Amino acid sequence: MHKTLLLFLLLSASHSHASPTESERIKRGYELAAETWGLQWQIATDPSEKQKLLENRPDPSASATELWRQIAPSLKEDWTIPYSTFFLGLARNLSMVNLDGNTGTAFTEERKRIFEAFVKNHTTKPGIAPFCIAIADNGDTKSLHLLEKIMAENPDEAIKGIAAFAAAMLLKTLGDAPEVMKKRLTYLRQAIIMAADQTVGEINVADIVTNELYVIRFLSKGRNAPDLSGTDVGGRIIRLSEMRGKTVILLFWDAKSAETDKFIGLTNAMAMKYSDKPVVIIGVTPEALNRIRELQAKEAIKWNNIIDSEDKLAKEYRIAVRPAAFVVSPEGKFEYIGLPGSFVEMTVDALLAGDVPPQ
């Protein structure tokens, strides 16, 4: 009887201590798979080889599910902080089909539990700057209060600054309303004051904030769109400035996103919807010329594309995440900046009707 109880306790203890180790194994396993896939993609030249790689990309959903099993029982413990951060990175931009057949955001409840655990247990902890960035990357504005709580409570000035920067980036998804822009500018200034010498990834916060201030000045709703020109798959020069009088949907994209097939389907549907309207869809992509030419010839892609192999145009437009969408009015002004989807169509429909809605 006592031996059985002792064995049970030993097994329980072993399992509880295995969670950090197992979480690290899952994290490293996915990172290695993603790194290997990236190297294979870089050296792949044959279209069929690239297609096979696309069909066998590392699955962030599977790794996120596996990791969640490890961290879920222990979210109040400090060891889960880096793994919660990694989980948010895996879950970013993932979607799922709900019971009603509609597509929704994946891991919604899991993210909510992580945020709730942080509010209760971790806002004053050291080393949570990467978590602040992960919150911004997830794009859920409901989590803004968590960043503001970290800004108010964490004793580390640098972490406060990173939280302010993350809050400014999160506010970016809410559009360019005056009250939003005012708050964004306030948080960006706080980030410069408190965390100018900090880094996000390998980039200095001061440089990122300077870039964001450039975006606010030149790449915001209502601003004149900077001219853009490049060569399409037929060798023709495409210039944004030559499309005055038409509404332009400008899409920066590549084939690396897990949502690429969905993006192509939605854009093809838009191309058909506006085929007889004064609307032009232009893709800007670093993908191989021959591959895009083949897809357009087969009408698997129903819109024209500029090949931006060195990301020159993406850098001019400060593209950090793909896909990214811009809607440019017939007068050449930005009317929407954000993710592709329903807001793009709403803005285009409003322009065609002569009434532009707020973002």
Protein backbone atom coordinates (compact mmCIF):
# COMPACT_ATOMS: atom_id res chain seq x y z
CA MET A 1 0.00 0.00 0.00
CA HIS A 2 2.76 2.45 0.98
CA LYS A 3 4.86 1.41 -2.02
CA THR A 4 1.94 2.12 -4.36
CA LEU A 5 1.40 5.55 -2.82
CA LEU A 6 5.13 6.32 -3.02
CA LEU A 7 5.24 5.28 -6.69
CA PHE A 8 2.22 7.50 -7.44
CA LEU A 9 3.87 10.49 -5.76
CA LEU A 10 7.14 9.92 -7.61
CA LEU A 11 5.35 9.67 -10.95
CA SER A 12 3.35 12.83 -10.20
CA ALA A 13 6.48 14.75 -9.24
CA SER A 14 8.25 13.50 -12.35
CA HIS A 15 5.35 14.63 -14.54
CA SER A 16 5.14 18.08 -12.95
CA HIS A 17 8.86 18.70 -13.45
CA ALA A 18 8.70 17.39 -17.02
CA SER A 19 6.53 20.28 -18.23
CA PRO A 20 9.34 22.88 -18.64
CA THR A 21 11.57 20.27 -20.27
CA GLU A 22 8.82 19.07 -22.58
CA SER A 23 7.84 22.65 -23.42
CA GLU A 24 11.42 23.39 -24.42
CA ARG A 25 11.51 20.24 -26.56
CA ILE A 26 8.36 21.34 -28.42
CA LYS A 27 9.68 24.87 -28.90
CA ARG A 28 13.08 23.78 -30.18
CA GLY A 29 11.53 21.11 -32.39
CA TYR A 30 9.32 23.62 -34.16
CA GLU A 31 12.12 26.21 -34.47
CA LEU A 32 14.42 23.62 -36.03
CA ALA A 33 11.73 22.43 -38.44
CA ALA A 34 10.91 26.02 -39.45
CA GLU A 35 14.58 26.88 -39.93
CA THR A 36 15.16 23.77 -42.04
CA TRP A 37 12.08 24.54 -44.14
CA GLY A 38 13.27 28.10 -44.69
CA LEU A 39 16.67 26.93 -45.93
CA GLN A 40 15.06 24.40 -48.26
CA TRP A 41 12.77 27.12 -49.63
CA GLN A 42 15.73 29.41 -50.33
CA ILE A 43 17.59 26.81 -52.40
CA ALA A 44 14.53 25.38 -54.17
CA THR A 45 14.31 26.50 -57.80
CA ASP A 46 11.93 24.04 -59.44
CA PRO A 47 8.22 25.08 -59.20
CA SER A 48 7.13 21.53 -58.36
CA GLU A 49 9.72 21.40 -55.60
CA LYS A 50 8.43 24.67 -54.16
CA GLN A 51 4.86 23.43 -54.36
CA LYS A 52 5.83 20.30 -52.45
CA LEU A 53 7.51 22.44 -49.81
CA LEU A 54 4.40 24.59 -49.49
CA GLU A 55 2.35 21.46 -48.90
CA ASN A 56 4.74 20.29 -46.18
CA ARG A 57 5.34 23.43 -44.16
CA PRO A 58 5.83 22.95 -40.40
CA ASP A 59 2.39 23.05 -38.78
CA PRO A 60 2.23 25.80 -36.11
CA SER A 61 -1.25 24.66 -35.08
CA ALA A 62 -0.06 21.18 -34.12
CA SER A 63 2.90 22.54 -32.14
CA ALA A 64 0.68 25.13 -30.44
CA THR A 65 -1.77 22.41 -29.40
CA GLU A 66 1.05 20.26 -28.03
CA LEU A 67 2.63 23.19 -26.18
CA TRP A 68 -0.68 24.28 -24.67
CA ARG A 69 -1.09 20.91 -22.97
CA GLN A 70 2.18 21.55 -21.16
CA ILE A 71 1.71 25.15 -20.05
CA ALA A 72 -2.05 25.32 -19.43
CA PRO A 73 -2.00 23.88 -15.86
CA SER A 74 0.84 26.18 -14.76
CA LEU A 75 0.21 29.62 -16.28
CA LYS A 76 0.70 31.36 -12.93
CA GLU A 77 4.24 29.98 -12.67
CA ASP A 78 7.16 32.05 -13.95
CA TRP A 79 8.63 29.24 -16.07
CA THR A 80 5.66 29.43 -18.44
CA ILE A 81 6.34 33.05 -19.44
CA PRO A 82 8.71 32.32 -22.38
CA TYR A 83 6.54 29.41 -23.53
CA SER A 84 3.36 31.48 -23.36
CA THR A 85 5.21 34.02 -25.49
CA PHE A 86 6.18 31.33 -27.98
CA PHE A 87 2.61 29.97 -28.00
CA LEU A 88 1.28 33.40 -28.97
CA GLY A 89 3.80 33.49 -31.80
CA LEU A 90 2.65 30.11 -33.08
CA ALA A 91 -1.04 31.01 -32.78
CA ARG A 92 -0.67 34.35 -34.55
CA ASN A 93 -2.81 34.56 -37.70
CA LEU A 94 -4.11 30.99 -37.35
CA SER A 95 -7.77 30.40 -38.11
CA MET A 96 -10.20 27.54 -37.64
CA VAL A 97 -13.60 26.46 -38.93
CA ASN A 98 -16.25 26.80 -36.22
CA LEU A 99 -19.18 24.45 -35.66
CA ASP A 100 -21.43 26.80 -37.66
CA GLY A 101 -19.11 26.45 -40.66
CA ASN A 102 -17.70 29.97 -40.42
CA THR A 103 -14.00 30.69 -40.12
CA GLY A 104 -12.79 32.24 -36.87
CA THR A 105 -9.61 32.94 -34.95
CA ALA A 106 -7.90 29.83 -33.58
CA PHE A 107 -6.96 29.38 -29.92
CA THR A 108 -9.15 32.27 -28.77
CA GLU A 109 -9.86 30.81 -25.33
CA GLU A 110 -6.25 29.79 -24.82
CA ARG A 111 -5.01 33.29 -25.55
CA LYS A 112 -7.64 34.71 -23.20
CA ARG A 113 -6.42 32.44 -20.40
CA ILE A 114 -2.81 33.48 -20.98
CA PHE A 115 -3.72 37.17 -20.81
CA GLU A 116 -5.80 36.64 -17.66
CA ALA A 117 -2.92 34.77 -16.01
CA PHE A 118 -0.54 37.62 -16.85
CA VAL A 119 -2.86 40.23 -15.41
CA LYS A 120 -3.03 38.30 -12.14
CA ASN A 121 0.55 37.08 -11.83
CA HIS A 122 3.18 38.54 -14.14
CA THR A 123 2.80 42.27 -14.90
CA THR A 124 5.61 43.22 -12.50
CA LYS A 125 7.99 40.40 -13.45
CA PRO A 126 11.39 40.97 -15.10
CA GLY A 127 12.11 39.74 -18.62
CA ILE A 128 8.59 40.08 -20.03
CA ALA A 129 9.49 42.44 -22.90
CA PRO A 130 9.20 39.62 -25.52
CA PHE A 131 5.73 38.85 -24.18
CA CYS A 132 4.72 42.49 -24.73
CA ILE A 133 5.81 42.23 -28.36
CA ALA A 134 3.91 38.94 -28.74
CA ILE A 135 0.74 40.68 -27.53
CA ALA A 136 1.12 43.32 -30.24
CA ASP A 137 1.85 40.71 -32.89
CA ASN A 138 -1.39 38.89 -32.04
CA GLY A 139 -3.32 42.03 -32.88
CA ASP A 140 -6.10 41.58 -30.31
CA THR A 141 -6.98 45.10 -29.17
CA LYS A 142 -8.82 43.65 -26.16
CA SER A 143 -5.38 42.92 -24.69
CA LEU A 144 -4.41 46.60 -24.77
CA HIS A 145 -5.37 46.89 -21.09
CA LEU A 146 -2.70 44.29 -20.25
CA LEU A 147 0.03 46.35 -21.90
CA GLU A 148 -1.19 49.46 -20.10
CA LYS A 149 -1.14 47.56 -16.81
CA ILE A 150 2.48 46.53 -17.45
CA MET A 151 3.32 50.17 -18.26
CA ALA A 152 1.77 51.25 -14.95
CA GLU A 153 3.09 48.50 -12.66
CA ASN A 154 6.38 47.08 -13.89
CA PRO A 155 9.36 48.59 -12.03
CA ASP A 156 11.70 48.26 -15.03
CA GLU A 157 11.73 51.42 -17.18
CA ALA A 158 12.89 49.49 -20.25
CA ILE A 159 10.00 47.03 -19.95
CA LYS A 160 7.60 49.97 -19.55
CA GLY A 161 9.02 51.41 -22.77
CA ILE A 162 8.68 48.14 -24.66
CA ALA A 163 5.09 47.83 -23.41
CA ALA A 164 4.42 51.38 -24.63
CA PHE A 165 5.89 50.51 -28.02
CA ALA A 166 3.77 47.33 -28.20
CA ALA A 167 0.65 49.31 -27.25
CA ALA A 168 1.37 51.80 -30.05
CA MET A 169 1.70 48.94 -32.53
CA LEU A 170 -1.54 47.38 -31.30
CA LEU A 171 -3.36 50.71 -31.66
CA LYS A 172 -2.18 50.77 -35.26
CA THR A 173 -4.78 48.12 -36.08
CA LEU A 174 -7.58 50.49 -35.01
CA GLY A 175 -6.98 52.88 -37.90
CA ASP A 176 -6.22 56.58 -38.09
CA ALA A 177 -8.98 58.22 -36.06
CA PRO A 178 -7.63 61.39 -34.33
CA GLU A 179 -8.02 60.01 -30.78
CA VAL A 180 -6.24 56.78 -31.76
CA MET A 181 -3.39 58.65 -33.46
CA LYS A 182 -2.97 60.90 -30.42
CA LYS A 183 -2.64 57.89 -28.14
CA ARG A 184 -0.25 56.16 -30.54
CA LEU A 185 2.02 59.21 -30.64
CA THR A 186 1.99 59.39 -26.83
CA TYR A 187 3.04 55.75 -26.51
CA LEU A 188 5.70 56.06 -29.22
CA ARG A 189 7.23 59.02 -27.37
CA GLN A 190 7.23 57.01 -24.14
CA ALA A 191 8.96 54.15 -25.96
CA ILE A 192 11.71 56.51 -27.16
CA ILE A 193 12.20 57.98 -23.68
CA MET A 194 12.20 54.68 -21.77
CA ALA A 195 13.53 52.10 -24.21
CA ALA A 196 15.46 53.80 -27.02
CA ASP A 197 18.47 51.52 -26.46
CA GLN A 198 16.43 48.31 -26.33
CA THR A 199 15.96 45.93 -29.24
CA VAL A 200 13.00 44.06 -30.71
CA GLY A 201 14.48 41.03 -32.39
CA GLU A 202 17.66 42.49 -33.86
CA ILE A 203 16.30 46.02 -34.46
CA ASN A 204 16.79 48.98 -32.15
CA VAL A 205 13.57 50.41 -30.66
CA ALA A 206 14.60 53.94 -31.62
CA ASP A 207 14.92 52.89 -35.26
CA ILE A 208 11.52 51.15 -35.21
CA VAL A 209 9.82 54.13 -33.60
CA THR A 210 11.44 56.47 -36.13
CA ASN A 211 10.05 54.22 -38.84
CA GLU A 212 6.58 54.29 -37.24
CA LEU A 213 6.65 58.07 -37.11
CA TYR A 214 7.49 58.03 -40.83
CA VAL A 215 4.48 55.76 -41.43
CA ILE A 216 2.21 58.12 -39.51
CA ARG A 217 3.46 61.06 -41.56
CA PHE A 218 3.49 59.47 -45.04
CA LEU A 219 1.64 56.12 -44.99
CA SER A 220 -1.56 56.87 -43.10
CA LYS A 221 -5.17 57.20 -44.15
CA GLY A 222 -5.80 60.46 -46.00
CA ARG A 223 -2.16 60.90 -47.03
CA ASN A 224 -1.12 60.94 -50.68
CA ALA A 225 0.16 57.49 -51.59
CA PRO A 226 3.87 57.52 -52.48
CA ASP A 227 4.34 56.62 -56.12
CA LEU A 228 5.17 53.00 -56.73
CA SER A 229 6.56 51.50 -59.90
CA GLY A 230 7.84 48.10 -60.90
CA THR A 231 7.84 45.48 -63.62
CA ASP A 232 5.00 42.98 -63.96
CA VAL A 233 5.24 39.38 -65.23
CA GLY A 234 4.90 40.60 -68.83
CA GLY A 235 7.83 43.00 -68.51
CA ARG A 236 5.57 46.07 -68.46
CA ILE A 237 6.29 49.00 -66.16
CA ILE A 238 3.41 49.53 -63.71
CA ARG A 239 3.15 52.95 -62.03
CA LEU A 240 0.66 53.80 -59.32
CA SER A 241 0.67 57.44 -60.39
CA GLU A 242 -0.69 56.47 -63.82
CA MET A 243 -3.85 54.98 -62.30
CA ARG A 244 -5.50 58.22 -61.22
CA GLY A 245 -9.23 58.03 -61.72
CA LYS A 246 -9.38 54.41 -60.60
CA THR A 247 -9.52 52.81 -57.17
CA VAL A 248 -6.38 50.73 -56.60
CA ILE A 249 -6.11 47.73 -54.28
CA LEU A 250 -2.42 47.30 -53.54
CA LEU A 251 -1.50 43.94 -51.99
CA PHE A 252 1.93 43.00 -50.63
CA TRP A 253 2.11 39.21 -50.30
CA ASP A 254 4.25 36.11 -50.56
CA ALA A 255 3.70 32.35 -50.43
CA LYS A 256 5.22 31.77 -47.00
CA SER A 257 2.14 32.52 -44.93
CA ALA A 258 0.00 29.62 -43.73
CA GLU A 259 -2.98 31.63 -45.02
CA THR A 260 -1.67 32.08 -48.58
CA ASP A 261 -4.27 29.83 -50.22
CA LYS A 262 -7.06 31.67 -48.43
CA PHE A 263 -5.57 35.04 -49.43
CA ILE A 264 -5.38 33.99 -53.09
CA GLY A 265 -8.98 32.78 -53.03
CA LEU A 266 -10.28 36.01 -51.48
CA THR A 267 -8.30 38.16 -53.92
CA ASN A 268 -9.48 36.14 -56.91
CA ALA A 269 -13.06 36.68 -55.73
CA MET A 270 -12.43 40.44 -55.52
CA ALA A 271 -10.89 40.46 -59.01
CA MET A 272 -14.04 38.85 -60.40
CA LYS A 273 -16.35 41.12 -58.38
CA TYR A 274 -14.71 44.31 -59.68
CA SER A 275 -13.85 43.09 -63.18
CA ASP A 276 -16.28 45.57 -64.81
CA LYS A 277 -15.59 48.41 -62.35
CA PRO A 278 -12.91 51.15 -62.33
CA VAL A 279 -10.88 49.12 -59.86
CA VAL A 280 -7.34 47.80 -60.29
CA ILE A 281 -5.77 45.09 -58.15
CA ILE A 282 -1.98 45.03 -58.07
CA GLY A 283 0.02 42.47 -56.16
CA VAL A 284 3.60 43.13 -55.07
CA THR A 285 5.49 39.94 -54.36
CA PRO A 286 9.07 38.67 -54.06
CA GLU A 287 8.03 35.28 -55.49
CA ALA A 288 9.81 33.90 -58.57
CA LEU A 289 8.82 35.54 -61.86
CA ASN A 290 8.27 32.24 -63.71
CA ARG A 291 6.07 30.86 -60.93
CA ILE A 292 3.80 33.92 -60.80
CA ARG A 293 3.71 34.10 -64.61
CA GLU A 294 2.61 30.46 -64.74
CA LEU A 295 -0.08 30.95 -62.07
CA GLN A 296 -1.44 34.04 -63.84
CA ALA A 297 -1.44 32.25 -67.21
CA LYS A 298 -3.50 29.44 -65.69
CA GLU A 299 -5.74 32.03 -63.98
CA ALA A 300 -4.95 30.45 -60.63
CA ILE A 301 -4.12 34.08 -59.80
CA LYS A 302 -6.54 36.49 -61.43
CA TRP A 303 -4.75 39.78 -60.77
CA ASN A 304 -1.56 41.36 -62.05
CA ASN A 305 1.62 41.30 -59.98
CA ILE A 306 4.78 43.35 -59.74
CA ILE A 307 7.80 41.19 -59.01
CA ASP A 308 9.71 42.75 -56.11
CA SER A 309 12.49 40.19 -55.80
CA GLU A 310 14.70 42.39 -53.60
CA ASP A 311 11.80 43.77 -51.51
CA LYS A 312 12.63 47.30 -52.68
CA LEU A 313 8.98 48.35 -52.91
CA ALA A 314 8.10 46.54 -49.68
CA LYS A 315 10.77 48.57 -47.88
CA GLU A 316 9.51 51.82 -49.40
CA TYR A 317 6.04 51.01 -48.10
CA ARG A 318 7.42 49.84 -44.74
CA ILE A 319 5.91 46.35 -45.03
CA ALA A 320 6.64 44.40 -41.85
CA VAL A 321 4.06 41.62 -42.18
CA ARG A 322 2.53 40.04 -45.27
CA PRO A 323 -0.11 40.02 -46.56
CA ALA A 324 -0.76 43.76 -46.26
CA ALA A 325 -3.41 45.77 -48.10
CA PHE A 326 -3.70 49.40 -49.19
CA VAL A 327 -6.72 50.93 -50.86
CA VAL A 328 -5.87 54.06 -52.85
CA SER A 329 -8.65 56.42 -53.95
CA PRO A 330 -9.02 57.68 -57.53
CA GLU A 331 -7.41 60.91 -56.27
CA GLY A 332 -4.34 58.98 -55.10
CA LYS A 333 -4.97 59.07 -51.34
CA PHE A 334 -4.87 56.18 -48.89
CA GLU A 335 -8.37 55.19 -47.79
CA TYR A 336 -7.54 51.89 -46.08
CA ILE A 337 -4.35 50.37 -44.69
CA GLY A 338 -4.38 47.01 -42.95
CA LEU A 339 -5.02 43.33 -43.48
CA PRO A 340 -6.77 41.98 -46.59
CA GLY A 341 -10.38 41.03 -46.03
CA SER A 342 -13.84 42.50 -45.67
CA PHE A 343 -12.64 46.02 -44.78
CA VAL A 344 -10.86 46.24 -48.14
CA GLU A 345 -14.08 45.45 -49.99
CA MET A 346 -16.13 47.77 -47.78
CA THR A 347 -13.75 50.63 -48.55
CA VAL A 348 -13.73 49.92 -52.28
CA ASP A 349 -17.54 49.64 -52.38
CA ALA A 350 -17.83 52.95 -50.52
CA LEU A 351 -15.44 54.65 -52.97
CA LEU A 352 -17.44 53.33 -55.91
CA ALA A 353 -20.60 54.66 -54.27
CA GLY A 354 -18.95 58.01 -53.51
CA ASP A 355 -18.99 57.58 -49.73
CA VAL A 356 -15.84 56.49 -47.86
CA PRO A 357 -16.46 55.00 -44.40
CA PRO A 358 -14.04 55.44 -41.49
CA GLN A 359 -11.69 52.53 -40.84
